[in-house]
């Protein structure tokens, strides 16, 4: 797993990688759903947020590794 974590860190350390990760954060983690959001919308949003957080975790581990 350590090699994969280092690969994540390398991919996302580039200018393009930073831009892509920032975009993913804006459309998931930083996005706020309104009060009228359905249960399915909330579940979908939380799943996508978890996916982006997993990528960030892999990057952090790869930098420490």
N, C-alpha and C. Protein backbone atom coordinates (compact mmCIF):
# COMPACT_ATOMS: atom_id res chain seq x y z
N UNK A 1 0.82 -1.19 0.00
CA UNK A 1 0.00 0.00 0.00
C UNK A 1 0.87 1.25 0.00
N UNK A 2 2.03 1.19 0.60
CA UNK A 2 2.90 2.35 0.71
C UNK A 2 3.29 2.89 -0.67
N UNK A 3 3.54 2.00 -1.63
CA UNK A 3 3.87 2.45 -2.98
C UNK A 3 2.71 3.21 -3.60
N UNK A 4 1.50 2.72 -3.41
CA UNK A 4 0.32 3.38 -3.95
C UNK A 4 0.13 4.76 -3.32
N UNK A 5 0.37 4.86 -2.04
CA UNK A 5 0.26 6.15 -1.35
C UNK A 5 1.27 7.14 -1.92
N UNK A 6 2.48 6.69 -2.19
CA UNK A 6 3.50 7.55 -2.79
C UNK A 6 3.09 7.98 -4.20
N UNK A 7 2.45 7.08 -4.93
CA UNK A 7 1.98 7.42 -6.26
C UNK A 7 0.90 8.50 -6.20
N UNK A 8 -0.01 8.39 -5.25
CA UNK A 8 -1.02 9.44 -5.06
C UNK A 8 -0.33 10.78 -4.78
N UNK A 9 0.64 10.77 -3.89
CA UNK A 9 1.33 12.01 -3.53
C UNK A 9 2.02 12.62 -4.76
N UNK A 10 2.66 11.79 -5.57
CA UNK A 10 3.34 12.30 -6.76
C UNK A 10 2.36 12.87 -7.77
N UNK A 11 1.28 12.16 -8.01
CA UNK A 11 0.29 12.60 -9.01
C UNK A 11 -0.32 13.95 -8.62
N UNK A 12 -0.65 14.10 -7.35
CA UNK A 12 -1.36 15.30 -6.92
C UNK A 12 -0.44 16.43 -6.48
N UNK A 13 0.88 16.25 -6.57
CA UNK A 13 1.78 17.35 -6.22
C UNK A 13 2.03 18.27 -7.40
N UNK A 14 1.64 17.86 -8.58
CA UNK A 14 1.81 18.71 -9.76
C UNK A 14 0.80 19.85 -9.75
N UNK A 15 1.04 20.85 -10.56
CA UNK A 15 0.09 21.98 -10.67
C UNK A 15 -1.28 21.47 -11.11
N UNK A 16 -1.29 20.60 -12.11
CA UNK A 16 -2.56 20.04 -12.58
C UNK A 16 -3.23 19.20 -11.50
N UNK A 17 -2.44 18.44 -10.78
CA UNK A 17 -2.99 17.62 -9.70
C UNK A 17 -3.62 18.47 -8.62
N UNK A 18 -2.96 19.57 -8.26
CA UNK A 18 -3.52 20.49 -7.26
C UNK A 18 -4.85 21.06 -7.75
N UNK A 19 -4.88 21.46 -9.04
CA UNK A 19 -6.10 22.05 -9.60
C UNK A 19 -7.25 21.06 -9.59
N UNK A 20 -6.96 19.81 -9.96
CA UNK A 20 -7.99 18.78 -9.98
C UNK A 20 -8.50 18.51 -8.56
N UNK A 21 -7.59 18.38 -7.61
CA UNK A 21 -8.00 18.11 -6.23
C UNK A 21 -8.81 19.28 -5.67
N UNK A 22 -8.41 20.50 -5.98
CA UNK A 22 -9.17 21.67 -5.52
C UNK A 22 -10.58 21.66 -6.11
N UNK A 23 -10.69 21.32 -7.38
CA UNK A 23 -12.01 21.23 -8.01
C UNK A 23 -12.86 20.15 -7.35
N UNK A 24 -12.27 19.01 -7.08
CA UNK A 24 -13.01 17.93 -6.42
C UNK A 24 -13.49 18.36 -5.04
N UNK A 25 -12.65 19.10 -4.30
CA UNK A 25 -13.05 19.62 -2.98
C UNK A 25 -14.24 20.57 -3.10
N UNK A 26 -14.18 21.47 -4.10
CA UNK A 26 -15.25 22.46 -4.27
C UNK A 26 -16.59 21.82 -4.60
N UNK A 27 -16.57 20.75 -5.38
CA UNK A 27 -17.84 20.15 -5.78
C UNK A 27 -18.32 19.07 -4.82
N UNK A 28 -17.51 18.78 -3.81
CA UNK A 28 -17.93 17.75 -2.85
C UNK A 28 -17.88 18.28 -1.42
N UNK A 29 -16.70 18.39 -0.86
CA UNK A 29 -16.53 18.72 0.55
C UNK A 29 -17.06 20.12 0.87
N UNK A 30 -16.81 21.09 -0.01
CA UNK A 30 -17.22 22.46 0.25
C UNK A 30 -18.65 22.77 -0.20
N UNK A 31 -19.28 21.85 -0.87
CA UNK A 31 -20.64 22.05 -1.37
C UNK A 31 -21.65 21.86 -0.24
N UNK A 32 -22.63 22.72 -0.22
CA UNK A 32 -23.69 22.64 0.78
C UNK A 32 -24.99 22.35 0.06
N UNK A 33 -25.68 21.32 0.50
CA UNK A 33 -27.00 21.03 -0.06
C UNK A 33 -28.05 21.79 0.72
N UNK A 34 -29.08 22.20 0.05
CA UNK A 34 -30.14 22.95 0.69
C UNK A 34 -31.01 22.10 1.60
N UNK A 35 -31.91 22.77 2.28
CA UNK A 35 -32.82 22.10 3.21
C UNK A 35 -33.77 21.13 2.51
N UNK A 36 -33.95 21.30 1.22
CA UNK A 36 -34.86 20.44 0.47
C UNK A 36 -34.18 19.21 -0.12
N UNK A 37 -32.94 18.99 0.22
CA UNK A 37 -32.20 17.84 -0.33
C UNK A 37 -32.86 16.53 0.11
N UNK A 38 -32.94 15.61 -0.80
CA UNK A 38 -33.53 14.31 -0.49
C UNK A 38 -32.53 13.43 0.25
N UNK A 39 -33.04 12.37 0.81
CA UNK A 39 -32.18 11.40 1.48
C UNK A 39 -31.15 10.84 0.51
N UNK A 40 -31.58 10.52 -0.71
CA UNK A 40 -30.64 9.98 -1.71
C UNK A 40 -29.57 10.99 -2.08
N UNK A 41 -29.93 12.27 -2.20
CA UNK A 41 -28.94 13.30 -2.51
C UNK A 41 -27.92 13.43 -1.38
N UNK A 42 -28.40 13.40 -0.15
CA UNK A 42 -27.49 13.50 0.99
C UNK A 42 -26.54 12.31 1.06
N UNK A 43 -27.06 11.12 0.80
CA UNK A 43 -26.22 9.92 0.82
C UNK A 43 -25.18 9.97 -0.30
N UNK A 44 -25.60 10.40 -1.48
CA UNK A 44 -24.67 10.50 -2.61
C UNK A 44 -23.57 11.51 -2.30
N UNK A 45 -23.95 12.66 -1.76
CA UNK A 45 -22.97 13.69 -1.45
C UNK A 45 -21.98 13.20 -0.40
N UNK A 46 -22.46 12.52 0.62
CA UNK A 46 -21.55 12.02 1.65
C UNK A 46 -20.60 10.97 1.08
N UNK A 47 -21.07 10.15 0.18
CA UNK A 47 -20.21 9.14 -0.45
C UNK A 47 -19.11 9.81 -1.28
N UNK A 48 -19.46 10.84 -2.03
CA UNK A 48 -18.46 11.52 -2.84
C UNK A 48 -17.47 12.28 -1.95
N UNK A 49 -17.95 12.84 -0.86
CA UNK A 49 -17.04 13.51 0.09
C UNK A 49 -16.06 12.50 0.69
N UNK A 50 -16.56 11.34 1.03
CA UNK A 50 -15.69 10.31 1.61
C UNK A 50 -14.62 9.88 0.60
N UNK A 51 -14.99 9.83 -0.66
CA UNK A 51 -14.04 9.44 -1.70
C UNK A 51 -12.92 10.48 -1.82
N UNK A 52 -13.27 11.76 -1.81
CA UNK A 52 -12.25 12.81 -1.88
C UNK A 52 -11.38 12.80 -0.63
N UNK A 53 -12.00 12.59 0.53
CA UNK A 53 -11.20 12.51 1.77
C UNK A 53 -10.23 11.33 1.72
N UNK A 54 -10.65 10.23 1.11
CA UNK A 54 -9.76 9.07 0.98
C UNK A 54 -8.56 9.41 0.11
N UNK A 55 -8.79 10.13 -0.97
CA UNK A 55 -7.69 10.56 -1.83
C UNK A 55 -6.74 11.44 -1.04
N UNK A 56 -7.27 12.40 -0.28
CA UNK A 56 -6.43 13.28 0.52
C UNK A 56 -5.63 12.50 1.57
N UNK A 57 -6.24 11.48 2.14
CA UNK A 57 -5.54 10.64 3.11
C UNK A 57 -4.39 9.90 2.45
N UNK A 58 -4.62 9.37 1.27
CA UNK A 58 -3.56 8.67 0.54
C UNK A 58 -2.41 9.62 0.22
N UNK A 59 -2.73 10.85 -0.17
CA UNK A 59 -1.70 11.84 -0.47
C UNK A 59 -0.86 12.13 0.78
N UNK A 60 -1.55 12.36 1.90
CA UNK A 60 -0.86 12.65 3.16
C UNK A 60 0.06 11.51 3.56
N UNK A 61 -0.42 10.29 3.49
CA UNK A 61 0.40 9.13 3.83
C UNK A 61 1.58 8.99 2.90
N UNK A 62 1.36 9.27 1.62
CA UNK A 62 2.44 9.18 0.64
C UNK A 62 3.54 10.20 0.89
N UNK A 63 3.17 11.38 1.35
CA UNK A 63 4.16 12.41 1.67
C UNK A 63 4.95 12.05 2.93
N UNK A 64 4.32 11.36 3.86
CA UNK A 64 4.96 10.98 5.11
C UNK A 64 5.86 9.75 4.93
N UNK A 65 5.51 8.94 3.96
CA UNK A 65 6.05 7.64 3.78
C UNK A 65 7.46 7.38 3.58
